């Protein structure tokens, strides 16, 4: 049951990050720094081993990676680095 909750949390974070990236793309505010985070996000989202096959520890690692990307993008946005690209 814990595994299902972790998968749901991972999917929620991935969806939030995807929505944030989409908004930035629509606003044409994707700096090289954010592009780098998008590439990393895409790599996490397209892992060869599906989340359903991962151990709870591996799911927690993926959640932390996804949260880190989301937070990094928000930080870059708030610092104003995404403007003027």
Protein backbone atom coordinates (compact mmCIF):
# COMPACT_ATOMS: atom_id res chain seq x y z
CA UNK A 1 0.00 0.00 0.00
CA UNK A 2 2.86 2.38 0.73
CA UNK A 3 4.23 1.75 -2.75
CA UNK A 4 0.97 2.92 -4.32
CA UNK A 5 1.07 6.14 -2.29
CA UNK A 6 4.65 6.79 -3.39
CA UNK A 7 3.75 6.22 -7.04
CA UNK A 8 0.84 8.64 -6.68
CA UNK A 9 3.11 11.23 -5.08
CA UNK A 10 5.70 10.80 -7.83
CA UNK A 11 3.04 11.19 -10.53
CA UNK A 12 1.68 14.31 -8.81
CA UNK A 13 5.11 15.95 -8.73
CA UNK A 14 5.82 14.96 -12.34
CA UNK A 15 2.49 16.44 -13.44
CA UNK A 16 3.09 19.68 -11.52
CA UNK A 17 6.54 20.01 -13.03
CA UNK A 18 5.21 19.28 -16.50
CA UNK A 19 2.52 21.95 -16.05
CA UNK A 20 5.11 24.48 -14.89
CA UNK A 21 7.34 23.74 -17.89
CA UNK A 22 4.36 24.09 -20.23
CA UNK A 23 3.47 27.49 -18.75
CA UNK A 24 7.04 28.69 -19.14
CA UNK A 25 7.14 27.49 -22.73
CA UNK A 26 3.91 29.32 -23.51
CA UNK A 27 5.38 32.50 -22.04
CA UNK A 28 8.66 32.02 -23.94
CA UNK A 29 10.56 32.22 -20.66
CA UNK A 30 12.77 29.18 -21.01
CA UNK A 31 16.35 30.13 -20.29
CA UNK A 32 19.33 27.84 -20.89
CA UNK A 33 19.33 27.04 -17.16
CA UNK A 34 15.70 25.97 -17.31
CA UNK A 35 16.33 24.01 -20.53
CA UNK A 36 18.96 22.03 -18.63
CA UNK A 37 16.42 21.24 -15.89
CA UNK A 38 13.85 20.26 -18.54
CA UNK A 39 16.33 17.79 -20.04
CA UNK A 40 16.92 16.28 -16.60
CA UNK A 41 13.17 16.17 -15.98
CA UNK A 42 12.61 14.35 -19.27
CA UNK A 43 15.25 11.80 -18.30
CA UNK A 44 13.50 11.15 -14.98
CA UNK A 45 10.10 10.96 -16.61
CA UNK A 46 11.31 8.45 -19.21
CA UNK A 47 13.22 6.00 -17.03
CA UNK A 48 13.57 2.51 -18.48
CA UNK A 49 12.17 0.85 -15.36
CA UNK A 50 8.56 1.90 -14.68
CA UNK A 51 7.76 3.29 -11.25
CA UNK A 52 5.44 0.34 -10.60
CA UNK A 53 8.46 -2.00 -10.64
CA UNK A 54 10.61 0.08 -8.28
CA UNK A 55 11.25 -0.55 -4.62
CA UNK A 56 9.97 1.99 -2.12
CA UNK A 57 13.50 3.30 -1.64
CA UNK A 58 13.94 3.86 -5.38
CA UNK A 59 10.55 5.60 -5.55
CA UNK A 60 11.60 7.92 -2.73
CA UNK A 61 14.79 8.72 -4.68
CA UNK A 62 12.77 9.51 -7.79
CA UNK A 63 10.41 11.72 -5.79
CA UNK A 64 13.35 13.63 -4.34
CA UNK A 65 14.85 14.07 -7.83
CA UNK A 66 11.56 15.34 -9.23
CA UNK A 67 11.01 17.71 -6.28
CA UNK A 68 14.53 19.02 -6.75
CA UNK A 69 13.90 19.83 -10.40
CA UNK A 70 10.59 21.53 -9.60
CA UNK A 71 12.21 23.60 -6.85
CA UNK A 72 15.20 24.46 -9.05
CA UNK A 73 12.94 25.73 -11.83
CA UNK A 74 10.93 27.82 -9.37
CA UNK A 75 14.15 29.25 -7.91
CA UNK A 76 15.48 30.15 -11.36
CA UNK A 77 12.18 31.84 -12.16
CA UNK A 78 12.12 33.78 -8.91
CA UNK A 79 15.71 34.91 -9.33
CA UNK A 80 14.84 36.47 -12.69
CA UNK A 81 17.37 34.35 -14.60
CA UNK A 82 14.71 33.15 -17.01
CA UNK A 83 14.14 36.63 -18.40
CA UNK A 84 16.09 37.88 -21.37
CA UNK A 85 16.86 34.54 -22.94
